[in-house]
Amino acid sequence: METKLLKIKLNLNARPQADELLAYMQDNIAFTREEMRQKGYFWDSVFFAEEGGREYLYIVIKSEDFSCIMMDESELICTPFREVYERFRKACWSTEPYQDIEALACFNSQMEFDSVELGK
């Protein structure tokens, strides 16, 4: 299993929309999983952070082989998840490119999406 960390700079005050996206994904996990299956990778973990007055979304993605992931989304059979995700991406992602950080090692082999509420 290969792992990458994406660091995405967000527009200001994007946290509520990020929370809405993640709630949608959790409530409609079948749509999310189907699109990720087609693309050849899945979101393992999602983190939100503020650094230097800016907001960032960190997404840990995993794939059996990143060299085989779907690059041409015109081949994607979209689910209702796509509209929700694209709305979030267009409204919240900064115009700056995201950082793609290669992992040195990956030890978690469980392939499940789950949400954890910290502090509860």
N, C-alpha and C. Protein backbone atom coordinates (compact mmCIF):
# COMPACT_ATOMS: atom_id res chain seq x y z
N MET A 1 0.85 -1.18 0.00
CA MET A 1 0.00 0.00 0.00
C MET A 1 0.89 1.24 0.00
N GLU A 2 0.65 2.15 -0.92
CA GLU A 2 1.39 3.40 -1.00
C GLU A 2 0.57 4.51 -0.35
N THR A 3 1.27 5.48 0.22
CA THR A 3 0.61 6.57 0.94
C THR A 3 1.19 7.91 0.50
N LYS A 4 0.34 8.91 0.39
CA LYS A 4 0.77 10.28 0.13
C LYS A 4 0.01 11.20 1.07
N LEU A 5 0.61 12.33 1.34
CA LEU A 5 -0.02 13.36 2.15
C LEU A 5 -0.20 14.58 1.26
N LEU A 6 -1.43 15.06 1.14
CA LEU A 6 -1.72 16.27 0.38
C LEU A 6 -1.93 17.41 1.37
N LYS A 7 -1.27 18.53 1.12
CA LYS A 7 -1.44 19.74 1.94
C LYS A 7 -2.09 20.77 1.04
N ILE A 8 -3.34 21.11 1.37
CA ILE A 8 -4.14 21.99 0.53
C ILE A 8 -4.40 23.30 1.26
N LYS A 9 -3.95 24.39 0.67
CA LYS A 9 -4.20 25.71 1.25
C LYS A 9 -5.65 26.09 0.93
N LEU A 10 -6.38 26.47 1.97
CA LEU A 10 -7.78 26.82 1.81
C LEU A 10 -8.00 28.32 1.85
N ASN A 11 -9.09 28.74 1.30
CA ASN A 11 -9.52 30.12 1.46
C ASN A 11 -9.94 30.33 2.91
N LEU A 12 -9.96 31.55 3.34
CA LEU A 12 -10.31 31.85 4.73
C LEU A 12 -11.74 31.40 5.04
N ASN A 13 -11.93 30.98 6.28
CA ASN A 13 -13.24 30.55 6.79
C ASN A 13 -13.84 29.36 6.05
N ALA A 14 -12.97 28.43 5.66
CA ALA A 14 -13.43 27.25 4.92
C ALA A 14 -13.82 26.09 5.84
N ARG A 15 -13.55 26.21 7.12
CA ARG A 15 -13.80 25.08 8.05
C ARG A 15 -15.25 24.61 8.02
N PRO A 16 -16.24 25.49 8.04
CA PRO A 16 -17.62 24.99 8.01
C PRO A 16 -17.93 24.16 6.76
N GLN A 17 -17.42 24.58 5.61
CA GLN A 17 -17.64 23.83 4.38
C GLN A 17 -16.89 22.49 4.41
N ALA A 18 -15.70 22.47 5.01
CA ALA A 18 -14.96 21.20 5.15
C ALA A 18 -15.74 20.24 6.03
N ASP A 19 -16.29 20.75 7.12
CA ASP A 19 -17.10 19.91 8.00
C ASP A 19 -18.33 19.37 7.27
N GLU A 20 -18.95 20.20 6.43
CA GLU A 20 -20.12 19.76 5.66
C GLU A 20 -19.73 18.66 4.67
N LEU A 21 -18.59 18.84 3.99
CA LEU A 21 -18.12 17.82 3.05
C LEU A 21 -17.89 16.49 3.77
N LEU A 22 -17.19 16.53 4.88
CA LEU A 22 -16.90 15.29 5.61
C LEU A 22 -18.16 14.65 6.17
N ALA A 23 -19.12 15.45 6.61
CA ALA A 23 -20.40 14.89 7.08
C ALA A 23 -21.13 14.22 5.92
N TYR A 24 -21.10 14.85 4.75
CA TYR A 24 -21.73 14.25 3.58
C TYR A 24 -21.06 12.92 3.24
N MET A 25 -19.75 12.92 3.26
CA MET A 25 -19.01 11.69 2.94
C MET A 25 -19.37 10.58 3.91
N GLN A 26 -19.45 10.91 5.17
CA GLN A 26 -19.78 9.90 6.18
C GLN A 26 -21.21 9.38 6.00
N ASP A 27 -22.13 10.27 5.72
CA ASP A 27 -23.54 9.89 5.57
C ASP A 27 -23.81 9.18 4.24
N ASN A 28 -22.94 9.38 3.27
CA ASN A 28 -23.12 8.81 1.92
C ASN A 28 -21.86 8.07 1.50
N ILE A 29 -21.36 7.24 2.38
CA ILE A 29 -20.06 6.60 2.16
C ILE A 29 -20.04 5.73 0.90
N ALA A 30 -21.16 5.16 0.51
CA ALA A 30 -21.19 4.30 -0.68
C ALA A 30 -20.81 5.10 -1.93
N PHE A 31 -21.31 6.33 -2.05
CA PHE A 31 -20.97 7.18 -3.20
C PHE A 31 -19.47 7.51 -3.19
N THR A 32 -18.99 7.89 -2.01
CA THR A 32 -17.58 8.26 -1.86
C THR A 32 -16.69 7.08 -2.21
N ARG A 33 -16.98 5.92 -1.67
CA ARG A 33 -16.17 4.72 -1.94
C ARG A 33 -16.18 4.35 -3.41
N GLU A 34 -17.33 4.48 -4.06
CA GLU A 34 -17.42 4.11 -5.47
C GLU A 34 -16.52 4.99 -6.33
N GLU A 35 -16.53 6.29 -6.08
CA GLU A 35 -15.67 7.18 -6.86
C GLU A 35 -14.19 6.91 -6.57
N MET A 36 -13.87 6.68 -5.31
CA MET A 36 -12.49 6.41 -4.95
C MET A 36 -12.03 5.08 -5.55
N ARG A 37 -12.91 4.10 -5.58
CA ARG A 37 -12.57 2.81 -6.19
C ARG A 37 -12.23 3.00 -7.66
N GLN A 38 -13.06 3.78 -8.36
CA GLN A 38 -12.81 4.03 -9.78
C GLN A 38 -11.48 4.74 -10.00
N LYS A 39 -11.18 5.69 -9.13
CA LYS A 39 -9.97 6.50 -9.30
C LYS A 39 -8.71 5.74 -8.89
N GLY A 40 -8.85 4.71 -8.07
CA GLY A 40 -7.69 3.90 -7.70
C GLY A 40 -6.98 4.36 -6.45
N TYR A 41 -7.61 5.21 -5.66
CA TYR A 41 -7.06 5.60 -4.37
C TYR A 41 -8.21 5.96 -3.44
N PHE A 42 -7.89 6.07 -2.15
CA PHE A 42 -8.93 6.46 -1.20
C PHE A 42 -8.34 7.40 -0.15
N TRP A 43 -9.24 8.20 0.43
CA TRP A 43 -8.85 9.08 1.52
C TRP A 43 -8.79 8.24 2.78
N ASP A 44 -7.66 8.23 3.44
CA ASP A 44 -7.52 7.50 4.69
C ASP A 44 -7.84 8.38 5.88
N SER A 45 -7.31 9.59 5.88
CA SER A 45 -7.48 10.51 7.00
C SER A 45 -7.51 11.94 6.49
N VAL A 46 -8.23 12.79 7.22
CA VAL A 46 -8.34 14.20 6.85
C VAL A 46 -8.10 15.02 8.12
N PHE A 47 -7.24 16.04 7.99
CA PHE A 47 -6.92 16.91 9.12
C PHE A 47 -7.11 18.36 8.69
N PHE A 48 -7.51 19.19 9.62
CA PHE A 48 -7.65 20.62 9.39
C PHE A 48 -6.67 21.32 10.31
N ALA A 49 -5.96 22.33 9.80
CA ALA A 49 -4.99 23.05 10.62
C ALA A 49 -4.95 24.51 10.23
N GLU A 50 -4.61 25.33 11.18
CA GLU A 50 -4.36 26.75 10.94
C GLU A 50 -2.87 26.99 11.18
N GLU A 51 -2.23 27.62 10.20
CA GLU A 51 -0.81 27.92 10.29
C GLU A 51 -0.57 29.33 9.78
N GLY A 52 0.01 30.16 10.60
CA GLY A 52 0.35 31.51 10.17
C GLY A 52 -0.85 32.30 9.66
N GLY A 53 -2.00 32.10 10.28
CA GLY A 53 -3.20 32.82 9.88
C GLY A 53 -3.90 32.24 8.65
N ARG A 54 -3.42 31.12 8.12
CA ARG A 54 -4.04 30.47 6.97
C ARG A 54 -4.62 29.13 7.40
N GLU A 55 -5.60 28.66 6.63
CA GLU A 55 -6.23 27.38 6.91
C GLU A 55 -5.75 26.35 5.88
N TYR A 56 -5.50 25.13 6.35
CA TYR A 56 -5.02 24.05 5.49
C TYR A 56 -5.82 22.79 5.75
N LEU A 57 -5.99 22.03 4.70
CA LEU A 57 -6.58 20.70 4.79
C LEU A 57 -5.48 19.72 4.44
N TYR A 58 -5.25 18.76 5.30
CA TYR A 58 -4.30 17.69 5.04
C TYR A 58 -5.10 16.43 4.78
N ILE A 59 -4.83 15.77 3.66
CA ILE A 59 -5.52 14.54 3.32
C ILE A 59 -4.48 13.45 3.08
N VAL A 60 -4.59 12.37 3.86
CA VAL A 60 -3.74 11.20 3.64
C VAL A 60 -4.48 10.32 2.64
N ILE A 61 -3.85 10.08 1.48
CA ILE A 61 -4.47 9.21 0.48
C ILE A 61 -3.62 7.96 0.32
N LYS A 62 -4.29 6.85 -0.02
CA LYS A 62 -3.61 5.57 -0.18
C LYS A 62 -4.05 4.91 -1.47
N SER A 63 -3.13 4.12 -2.02
CA SER A 63 -3.40 3.40 -3.25
C SER A 63 -2.53 2.15 -3.29
N GLU A 64 -3.02 1.15 -3.97
CA GLU A 64 -2.18 -0.02 -4.21
C GLU A 64 -1.00 0.36 -5.11
N ASP A 65 -1.25 1.31 -6.05
CA ASP A 65 -0.20 1.72 -6.99
C ASP A 65 -0.58 3.09 -7.57
N PHE A 66 0.08 4.15 -7.09
CA PHE A 66 -0.24 5.49 -7.56
C PHE A 66 0.04 5.69 -9.05
N SER A 67 0.88 4.85 -9.64
CA SER A 67 1.16 4.99 -11.07
C SER A 67 -0.04 4.55 -11.92
N CYS A 68 -1.02 3.91 -11.29
CA CYS A 68 -2.19 3.40 -12.03
C CYS A 68 -3.48 4.15 -11.71
N ILE A 69 -3.41 5.29 -11.00
CA ILE A 69 -4.65 5.98 -10.65
C ILE A 69 -5.23 6.68 -11.87
N MET A 70 -6.52 6.90 -11.84
CA MET A 70 -7.23 7.56 -12.93
C MET A 70 -6.80 9.02 -13.02
N MET A 71 -6.27 9.40 -14.17
CA MET A 71 -5.83 10.78 -14.37
C MET A 71 -6.85 11.57 -15.19
N ASP A 72 -7.62 10.89 -16.02
CA ASP A 72 -8.59 11.53 -16.89
C ASP A 72 -9.99 11.35 -16.28
N GLU A 73 -10.46 12.39 -15.60
CA GLU A 73 -11.75 12.28 -14.92
C GLU A 73 -12.94 12.23 -15.87
N SER A 74 -12.70 12.39 -17.16
CA SER A 74 -13.80 12.26 -18.12
C SER A 74 -14.28 10.81 -18.18
N GLU A 75 -13.45 9.88 -17.71
CA GLU A 75 -13.82 8.47 -17.66
C GLU A 75 -14.58 8.10 -16.39
N LEU A 76 -14.63 9.01 -15.44
CA LEU A 76 -15.26 8.76 -14.15
C LEU A 76 -16.78 8.67 -14.28
N ILE A 77 -17.36 7.63 -13.73
CA ILE A 77 -18.82 7.53 -13.63
C ILE A 77 -19.19 8.20 -12.32
N CYS A 78 -19.69 9.42 -12.42
CA CYS A 78 -19.91 10.26 -11.24
C CYS A 78 -21.09 9.78 -10.41
N THR A 79 -20.93 9.96 -9.12
CA THR A 79 -22.01 9.73 -8.16
C THR A 79 -22.44 11.10 -7.64
N PRO A 80 -23.46 11.18 -6.81
CA PRO A 80 -23.84 12.48 -6.22
C PRO A 80 -22.71 13.11 -5.40
N PHE A 81 -21.75 12.33 -4.96
CA PHE A 81 -20.60 12.86 -4.22
C PHE A 81 -19.83 13.89 -5.04
N ARG A 82 -19.73 13.68 -6.35
CA ARG A 82 -18.92 14.54 -7.21
C ARG A 82 -19.38 15.99 -7.13
N GLU A 83 -20.68 16.24 -7.17
CA GLU A 83 -21.20 17.61 -7.12
C GLU A 83 -20.86 18.27 -5.79
N VAL A 84 -21.00 17.56 -4.70
CA VAL A 84 -20.70 18.11 -3.38
C VAL A 84 -19.20 18.41 -3.27
N TYR A 85 -18.38 17.48 -3.71
CA TYR A 85 -16.93 17.66 -3.66
C TYR A 85 -16.48 18.83 -4.52
N GLU A 86 -16.97 18.91 -5.75
CA GLU A 86 -16.56 20.00 -6.66
C GLU A 86 -17.00 21.36 -6.12
N ARG A 87 -18.17 21.42 -5.52
CA ARG A 87 -18.63 22.68 -4.92
C ARG A 87 -17.67 23.11 -3.81
N PHE A 88 -17.27 22.15 -2.97
CA PHE A 88 -16.31 22.44 -1.90
C PHE A 88 -14.97 22.89 -2.49
N ARG A 89 -14.47 22.15 -3.45
CA ARG A 89 -13.16 22.45 -4.03
C ARG A 89 -13.14 23.84 -4.65
N LYS A 90 -14.17 24.18 -5.41
CA LYS A 90 -14.20 25.49 -6.08
C LYS A 90 -14.35 26.64 -5.10
N ALA A 91 -15.12 26.44 -4.04
CA ALA A 91 -15.36 27.51 -3.08
C ALA A 91 -14.25 27.66 -2.05
N CYS A 92 -13.56 26.57 -1.74
CA CYS A 92 -12.66 26.59 -0.58
C CYS A 92 -11.18 26.46 -0.88
N TRP A 93 -10.80 25.79 -1.96
CA TRP A 93 -9.38 25.62 -2.24
C TRP A 93 -8.78 26.93 -2.72
N SER A 94 -7.63 27.26 -2.22
CA SER A 94 -6.88 28.40 -2.72
C SER A 94 -6.47 28.13 -4.16
N THR A 95 -6.18 29.17 -4.90
CA THR A 95 -5.75 28.98 -6.29
C THR A 95 -4.32 28.44 -6.36
N GLU A 96 -3.61 28.47 -5.24
CA GLU A 96 -2.25 27.91 -5.22
C GLU A 96 -2.32 26.39 -5.32
N PRO A 97 -1.35 25.76 -5.98
CA PRO A 97 -1.37 24.30 -6.08
C PRO A 97 -1.16 23.66 -4.71
N TYR A 98 -1.72 22.48 -4.54
CA TYR A 98 -1.51 21.75 -3.29
C TYR A 98 -0.14 21.10 -3.30
N GLN A 99 0.34 20.76 -2.10
CA GLN A 99 1.61 20.05 -1.98
C GLN A 99 1.32 18.56 -1.92
N ASP A 100 2.08 17.78 -2.64
CA ASP A 100 1.98 16.32 -2.66
C ASP A 100 3.22 15.80 -1.95
N ILE A 101 3.06 15.34 -0.71
CA ILE A 101 4.19 14.94 0.12
C ILE A 101 4.25 13.41 0.15
N GLU A 102 5.35 12.85 -0.33
CA GLU A 102 5.52 11.40 -0.36
C GLU A 102 5.79 10.88 1.05
N ALA A 103 5.17 9.76 1.37
CA ALA A 103 5.39 9.14 2.68
C ALA A 103 6.69 8.35 2.68
N LEU A 104 7.34 8.28 3.82
CA LEU A 104 8.52 7.44 3.95
C LEU A 104 8.12 6.01 4.23
N ALA A 105 7.03 5.84 4.97
CA ALA A 105 6.56 4.49 5.31
C ALA A 105 5.08 4.56 5.63
N CYS A 106 4.41 3.44 5.44
CA CYS A 106 2.98 3.34 5.76
C CYS A 106 2.77 2.05 6.54
N PHE A 107 2.16 2.14 7.69
CA PHE A 107 2.00 0.97 8.54
C PHE A 107 0.55 0.56 8.74
N ASN A 108 -0.41 1.39 8.34
CA ASN A 108 -1.82 1.10 8.55
C ASN A 108 -2.38 0.42 7.30
N SER A 109 -2.76 -0.85 7.42
CA SER A 109 -3.26 -1.57 6.26
C SER A 109 -4.78 -1.60 6.20
N GLN A 110 -5.45 -1.07 7.22
CA GLN A 110 -6.92 -1.06 7.23
C GLN A 110 -7.42 -0.06 6.20
N MET A 111 -8.37 -0.47 5.37
CA MET A 111 -8.87 0.39 4.30
C MET A 111 -10.31 0.79 4.61
N GLU A 112 -10.51 1.58 5.62
CA GLU A 112 -11.83 2.02 6.03
C GLU A 112 -11.84 3.52 6.22
N PHE A 113 -12.91 4.16 5.78
CA PHE A 113 -13.10 5.59 6.06
C PHE A 113 -13.93 5.69 7.32
N ASP A 114 -13.49 6.50 8.24
CA ASP A 114 -14.23 6.69 9.48
C ASP A 114 -13.95 8.11 9.96
N SER A 115 -14.83 8.66 10.73
CA SER A 115 -14.58 9.99 11.26
C SER A 115 -14.43 9.89 12.77
N VAL A 116 -13.57 10.72 13.30
CA VAL A 116 -13.31 10.74 14.72
C VAL A 116 -13.53 12.16 15.20
N GLU A 117 -14.34 12.31 16.21
CA GLU A 117 -14.55 13.63 16.79
C GLU A 117 -13.63 13.76 17.99
N LEU A 118 -12.69 14.68 17.89
CA LEU A 118 -11.74 14.88 18.97
C LEU A 118 -12.41 15.59 20.13
N GLY A 119 -11.99 15.25 21.31
CA GLY A 119 -12.49 15.91 22.50
C GLY A 119 -13.84 15.43 22.96
N LYS A 120 -14.38 14.37 22.39
CA LYS A 120 -15.68 13.85 22.81
C LYS A 120 -15.57 12.42 23.24
